[in-house]
Amino acid sequence: MRLEEALDSLGRQIDAAVLGGMGEFSVIHGKGDGIVQKGVHDYLRSAPQVTDYFFSRPELGGFGRTEVILK
């Protein structure tokens, strides 16, 4: 996905997770050049529904995957 598509999908996922009562979920954005990874983190930083986010443990994807904690 390109960044715009990824952020649109992330917004829908956050909404669905909140409506579904989920407390957390993960985003697989890959490593690549880091453009999508940075865009995802910038989006999560400003999302009011998100309490915290961090890279996964190495065995779960490390820098290619972000764990998202919702309010």
C-alpha atoms as a PDB file:
ATOM      1  CA  MET A   1       0.000   0.000   0.000  1.00  0.00           C
ATOM      2  CA  ARG A   2       0.999   3.561  -0.505  1.00  0.00           C
ATOM      3  CA  LEU A   3       0.923   5.855   2.521  1.00  0.00           C
ATOM      4  CA  GLU A   4      -2.451   7.432   1.741  1.00  0.00           C
ATOM      5  CA  GLU A   5      -4.098   4.006   1.354  1.00  0.00           C
ATOM      6  CA  ALA A   6      -2.433   2.730   4.521  1.00  0.00           C
ATOM      7  CA  LEU A   7      -3.626   5.685   6.597  1.00  0.00           C
ATOM      8  CA  ASP A   8      -7.167   5.382   5.263  1.00  0.00           C
ATOM      9  CA  SER A   9      -7.157   1.699   6.183  1.00  0.00           C
ATOM     10  CA  LEU A  10      -5.670   2.462   9.608  1.00  0.00           C
ATOM     11  CA  GLY A  11      -8.411   5.002  10.336  1.00  0.00           C
ATOM     12  CA  ARG A  12     -11.080   2.438   9.458  1.00  0.00           C
ATOM     13  CA  GLN A  13      -9.328  -0.186  11.623  1.00  0.00           C
ATOM     14  CA  ILE A  14      -9.196   2.134  14.626  1.00  0.00           C
ATOM     15  CA  ASP A  15     -12.919   2.918  14.258  1.00  0.00           C
ATOM     16  CA  ALA A  16     -13.806  -0.774  13.896  1.00  0.00           C
ATOM     17  CA  ALA A  17     -11.649  -1.742  16.884  1.00  0.00           C
ATOM     18  CA  VAL A  18     -13.237   0.918  19.091  1.00  0.00           C
ATOM     19  CA  LEU A  19     -16.758  -0.056  18.010  1.00  0.00           C
ATOM     20  CA  GLY A  20     -15.916  -3.723  18.553  1.00  0.00           C
ATOM     21  CA  GLY A  21     -14.624  -3.086  22.075  1.00  0.00           C
ATOM     22  CA  MET A  22     -11.062  -4.143  21.285  1.00  0.00           C
ATOM     23  CA  GLY A  23      -8.363  -2.833  23.572  1.00  0.00           C
ATOM     24  CA  GLU A  24      -5.493  -3.346  21.183  1.00  0.00           C
ATOM     25  CA  PHE A  25      -4.505  -4.458  17.699  1.00  0.00           C
ATOM     26  CA  SER A  26      -1.390  -4.549  15.542  1.00  0.00           C
ATOM     27  CA  VAL A  27      -0.443  -2.918  12.250  1.00  0.00           C
ATOM     28  CA  ILE A  28       1.914  -4.689   9.856  1.00  0.00           C
ATOM     29  CA  HIS A  29       3.532  -1.894   7.857  1.00  0.00           C
ATOM     30  CA  GLY A  30       6.805  -3.554   6.923  1.00  0.00           C
ATOM     31  CA  LYS A  31      10.245  -2.014   7.069  1.00  0.00           C
ATOM     32  CA  GLY A  32      11.032  -0.856   3.517  1.00  0.00           C
ATOM     33  CA  ASP A  33      12.169   2.765   3.289  1.00  0.00           C
ATOM     34  CA  GLY A  34      10.255   3.639   6.473  1.00  0.00           C
ATOM     35  CA  ILE A  35       7.765   5.973   4.783  1.00  0.00           C
ATOM     36  CA  VAL A  36       4.653   3.991   5.736  1.00  0.00           C
ATOM     37  CA  GLN A  37       6.089   3.197   9.169  1.00  0.00           C
ATOM     38  CA  LYS A  38       6.679   6.894   9.926  1.00  0.00           C
ATOM     39  CA  GLY A  39       3.287   7.873   8.516  1.00  0.00           C
ATOM     40  CA  VAL A  40       1.533   5.254  10.665  1.00  0.00           C
ATOM     41  CA  HIS A  41       3.314   6.461  13.801  1.00  0.00           C
ATOM     42  CA  ASP A  42       2.539  10.108  13.005  1.00  0.00           C
ATOM     43  CA  TYR A  43      -1.133   9.191  12.519  1.00  0.00           C
ATOM     44  CA  LEU A  44      -1.266   7.189  15.765  1.00  0.00           C
ATOM     45  CA  ARG A  45       0.398  10.032  17.687  1.00  0.00           C
ATOM     46  CA  SER A  46      -2.501  12.341  16.845  1.00  0.00           C
ATOM     47  CA  ALA A  47      -5.376   9.818  17.018  1.00  0.00           C
ATOM     48  CA  PRO A  48      -7.531  10.606  20.083  1.00  0.00           C
ATOM     49  CA  GLN A  49      -8.606   6.952  20.478  1.00  0.00           C
ATOM     50  CA  VAL A  50      -4.997   5.742  20.861  1.00  0.00           C
ATOM     51  CA  THR A  51      -3.376   5.571  24.294  1.00  0.00           C
ATOM     52  CA  ASP A  52      -0.018   4.142  23.229  1.00  0.00           C
ATOM     53  CA  TYR A  53       1.791   2.450  20.365  1.00  0.00           C
ATOM     54  CA  PHE A  54       5.151   0.720  20.056  1.00  0.00           C
ATOM     55  CA  PHE A  55       7.093  -1.654  17.834  1.00  0.00           C
ATOM     56  CA  SER A  56       6.456  -5.348  18.359  1.00  0.00           C
ATOM     57  CA  ARG A  57       8.948  -7.682  19.939  1.00  0.00           C
ATOM     58  CA  PRO A  58      11.516  -8.945  17.413  1.00  0.00           C
ATOM     59  CA  GLU A  59       9.970 -12.422  17.180  1.00  0.00           C
ATOM     60  CA  LEU A  60       6.583 -10.849  16.312  1.00  0.00           C
ATOM     61  CA  GLY A  61       7.836  -8.506  13.613  1.00  0.00           C
ATOM     62  CA  GLY A  62      10.009  -5.931  15.345  1.00  0.00           C
ATOM     63  CA  PHE A  63      10.279  -2.682  13.388  1.00  0.00           C
ATOM     64  CA  GLY A  64       7.932  -4.009  10.707  1.00  0.00           C
ATOM     65  CA  ARG A  65       4.928  -4.183  13.027  1.00  0.00           C
ATOM     66  CA  THR A  66       3.378  -1.736  15.504  1.00  0.00           C
ATOM     67  CA  GLU A  67       1.206  -2.624  18.476  1.00  0.00           C
ATOM     68  CA  VAL A  68      -1.620  -0.140  19.133  1.00  0.00           C
ATOM     69  CA  ILE A  69      -3.274   0.309  22.551  1.00  0.00           C
ATOM     70  CA  LEU A  70      -6.703   1.961  22.547  1.00  0.00           C
ATOM     71  CA  LYS A  71      -8.453   3.977  25.260  1.00  0.00           C
END
